[in-house]
Amino acid sequence: MQHRLTPATRMGLSISIATGLYGISFGALSVAAGFSLPQTLALSLLMFTGGSQFAYVAVAAGGGGGFSAFAAASLLGLRNALYAVQLKAWLRLRGRKIPLAAQLTIDESTATSLGQERPDERRRGFWVAGIGVYVLWNLFTLLGALLGDALGDPRRWGLDGAAVLGAWQYQRQRRRLTERDAD
């Protein structure tokens, strides 16, 4: 029996892989900035919003105090709270799913959800992207932190924001072409 991935699943998985790989960069940069392996992993597991994590590490490594690092990270992460308000109604979240959904509400899960037309695909896209990014981001953060010095500058490997955006845009265009050809 052949199983076909839905558009939301394909998009969620591709975004998860592209974004997860970016975690290598965070892990390596965090350790290079003087954060320990447990501190680096805690930032990823608990904060889990890439831009905020990079800001926290950058401010702290640049000599800013803990409050300044926290404030910078919080301001960047504030957008996720705004997404969550809309997504709660959009996805019809209730009960025990709300705290988990709050942790997984990031740019990628929101974009994957909003990119779907059908309500069931919106929910599927949110969960596939959210869980996929969470798992892969944290695994690749661990890898980046462990390899730290051996990798050198993570940008040398193309693990920067442009690479993530490029992978997402590629999938989006590929989906449009596939849908156009099907018509």
Protein backbone atom coordinates (compact mmCIF):
# COMPACT_ATOMS: atom_id res chain seq x y z
CA MET A 1 0.00 0.00 0.00
CA GLN A 2 1.42 3.36 -1.04
CA HIS A 3 1.27 6.22 1.47
CA ARG A 4 1.21 9.74 0.08
CA LEU A 5 2.37 12.66 2.17
CA THR A 6 -0.09 15.52 2.32
CA PRO A 7 1.03 19.01 1.24
CA ALA A 8 1.14 20.16 4.88
CA THR A 9 3.26 17.17 5.86
CA ARG A 10 5.69 17.69 2.98
CA MET A 11 6.02 21.38 3.75
CA GLY A 12 6.35 20.78 7.49
CA LEU A 13 9.04 18.14 7.05
CA SER A 14 11.06 20.18 4.55
CA ILE A 15 10.94 23.27 6.77
CA SER A 16 11.85 21.12 9.78
CA ILE A 17 14.95 19.78 8.07
CA ALA A 18 16.09 23.18 6.77
CA THR A 19 15.50 24.91 10.09
CA GLY A 20 16.85 22.02 12.12
CA LEU A 21 20.15 22.23 10.28
CA TYR A 22 20.40 25.86 11.34
CA GLY A 23 20.61 24.51 14.91
CA ILE A 24 24.18 23.39 14.14
CA SER A 25 25.06 27.04 13.76
CA PHE A 26 23.41 27.98 17.05
CA GLY A 27 25.10 25.16 18.95
CA ALA A 28 28.54 26.03 17.59
CA LEU A 29 28.13 29.78 18.13
CA SER A 30 26.77 29.34 21.65
CA VAL A 31 29.70 27.17 22.74
CA ALA A 32 32.16 29.49 20.99
CA ALA A 33 30.62 32.39 22.95
CA GLY A 34 31.41 30.63 26.22
CA PHE A 35 28.15 28.89 27.03
CA SER A 36 28.46 25.34 28.34
CA LEU A 37 26.81 22.37 26.65
CA PRO A 38 24.00 22.23 29.27
CA GLN A 39 23.41 25.98 28.97
CA THR A 40 23.28 25.76 25.18
CA LEU A 41 20.82 22.87 25.30
CA ALA A 42 18.66 24.62 27.91
CA LEU A 43 18.40 27.69 25.68
CA SER A 44 17.22 25.50 22.81
CA LEU A 45 14.89 23.24 24.75
CA LEU A 46 13.24 25.96 26.83
CA MET A 47 13.49 29.19 24.85
CA PHE A 48 13.04 27.49 21.47
CA THR A 49 12.87 30.47 19.19
CA GLY A 50 15.98 30.71 17.05
CA GLY A 51 16.22 34.47 16.66
CA SER A 52 15.79 34.98 20.40
CA GLN A 53 18.41 32.35 21.16
CA PHE A 54 20.94 33.98 18.83
CA ALA A 55 20.17 37.40 20.34
CA TYR A 56 20.59 36.12 23.89
CA VAL A 57 23.97 34.57 23.09
CA ALA A 58 25.13 37.61 21.10
CA VAL A 59 24.24 40.12 23.82
CA ALA A 60 25.73 37.97 26.59
CA ALA A 61 28.90 37.27 24.59
CA GLY A 62 29.21 40.96 23.74
CA GLY A 63 29.42 41.85 27.42
CA GLY A 64 25.76 42.68 28.04
CA GLY A 65 24.31 41.58 31.34
CA GLY A 66 21.76 38.84 31.87
CA PHE A 67 18.89 41.33 31.95
CA SER A 68 19.94 42.88 28.63
CA ALA A 69 20.26 39.45 27.01
CA PHE A 70 16.87 38.43 28.38
CA ALA A 71 15.24 41.68 27.21
CA ALA A 72 16.61 41.35 23.68
CA ALA A 73 15.51 37.72 23.45
CA SER A 74 12.07 38.53 24.86
CA LEU A 75 11.45 41.33 22.39
CA LEU A 76 12.28 39.05 19.48
CA GLY A 77 10.15 36.24 20.89
CA LEU A 78 7.14 38.48 21.48
CA ARG A 79 5.90 37.85 17.95
CA ASN A 80 5.31 34.20 18.86
CA ALA A 81 2.83 35.26 21.54
CA LEU A 82 0.97 37.27 18.92
CA TYR A 83 0.94 34.25 16.59
CA ALA A 84 -0.36 32.07 19.42
CA VAL A 85 -3.40 34.25 20.01
CA GLN A 86 -4.49 33.85 16.40
CA LEU A 87 -3.48 30.20 16.09
CA LYS A 88 -5.46 29.15 19.16
CA ALA A 89 -8.68 30.13 17.39
CA TRP A 90 -7.48 29.18 13.91
CA LEU A 91 -6.54 25.63 14.96
CA ARG A 92 -9.35 25.32 17.54
CA LEU A 93 -6.95 24.34 20.31
CA ARG A 94 -8.36 23.25 23.65
CA GLY A 95 -7.28 21.61 26.88
CA ARG A 96 -3.89 19.96 27.20
CA LYS A 97 -2.83 20.83 23.66
CA ILE A 98 -2.62 24.55 24.46
CA PRO A 99 0.66 24.50 26.47
CA LEU A 100 2.33 22.22 23.90
CA ALA A 101 1.09 24.39 21.04
CA ALA A 102 2.41 27.48 22.85
CA GLN A 103 5.90 25.95 22.99
CA LEU A 104 5.73 25.02 19.29
CA THR A 105 4.39 28.37 18.06
CA ILE A 106 7.29 29.70 16.01
CA ASP A 107 7.62 31.33 12.60
CA GLU A 108 7.92 27.98 10.83
CA SER A 109 4.90 26.25 12.38
CA THR A 110 2.79 29.37 11.92
CA ALA A 111 3.79 29.81 8.28
CA THR A 112 3.23 26.14 7.51
CA SER A 113 -0.22 26.28 9.07
CA LEU A 114 -1.24 29.51 7.38
CA GLY A 115 -0.03 28.19 4.04
CA GLN A 116 -2.73 25.50 3.99
CA GLU A 117 -6.25 25.89 2.67
CA ARG A 118 -8.11 23.14 4.52
CA PRO A 119 -8.56 23.22 8.32
CA ASP A 120 -7.25 19.66 8.77
CA GLU A 121 -4.14 20.52 6.76
CA ARG A 122 -3.63 23.71 8.79
CA ARG A 123 -3.58 21.65 11.97
CA ARG A 124 -1.36 18.98 10.42
CA GLY A 125 1.06 21.59 9.09
CA PHE A 126 1.32 23.29 12.46
CA TRP A 127 2.05 20.06 14.36
CA VAL A 128 4.40 18.53 11.76
CA ALA A 129 6.45 21.72 11.45
CA GLY A 130 6.35 22.52 15.17
CA ILE A 131 7.35 19.08 16.39
CA GLY A 132 9.75 18.51 13.50
CA VAL A 133 11.59 21.78 14.03
CA TYR A 134 11.70 21.25 17.80
CA VAL A 135 13.20 17.78 17.52
CA LEU A 136 15.66 18.55 14.71
CA TRP A 137 16.66 21.99 16.02
CA ASN A 138 17.57 20.49 19.37
CA LEU A 139 19.39 17.48 17.89
CA PHE A 140 21.41 19.69 15.56
CA THR A 141 22.05 22.20 18.37
CA LEU A 142 23.57 19.32 20.34
CA LEU A 143 25.65 18.30 17.32
CA GLY A 144 26.82 21.87 16.73
CA ALA A 145 27.72 22.33 20.39
CA LEU A 146 29.67 19.06 20.45
CA LEU A 147 31.53 19.82 17.24
CA GLY A 148 31.89 23.51 18.13
CA ASP A 149 35.51 24.31 17.43
CA ALA A 150 35.89 21.65 14.75
CA LEU A 151 33.26 23.34 12.57
CA GLY A 152 34.82 26.77 12.67
CA ASP A 153 32.54 29.56 11.49
CA PRO A 154 29.09 28.00 10.84
CA ARG A 155 28.44 30.51 8.02
CA ARG A 156 31.23 28.82 6.09
CA TRP A 157 28.94 25.80 5.77
CA GLY A 158 25.96 27.82 4.55
CA LEU A 159 24.12 27.41 7.85
CA ASP A 160 22.72 30.89 7.98
CA GLY A 161 19.35 32.54 7.58
CA ALA A 162 19.60 32.70 3.79
CA ALA A 163 19.95 28.93 3.59
CA VAL A 164 16.79 28.39 5.64
CA LEU A 165 14.82 30.93 3.61
CA GLY A 166 16.09 29.42 0.36
CA ALA A 167 14.97 25.92 1.32
CA TRP A 168 11.54 27.18 2.32
CA GLN A 169 11.15 29.19 -0.89
CA TYR A 170 12.23 26.19 -2.99
CA GLN A 171 9.53 24.00 -1.43
CA ARG A 172 6.92 26.70 -1.87
CA GLN A 173 7.72 27.16 -5.56
CA ARG A 174 7.88 23.43 -6.15
CA ARG A 175 4.41 23.04 -4.63
CA ARG A 176 3.00 25.82 -6.82
CA LEU A 177 4.45 24.25 -9.95
CA THR A 178 3.09 20.83 -9.00
CA GLU A 179 -0.38 22.27 -8.37
CA ARG A 180 -0.28 24.23 -11.63
CA ASP A 181 0.73 21.15 -13.60
CA ALA A 182 -2.08 19.14 -11.98
CA ASP A 183 -4.67 21.64 -13.26
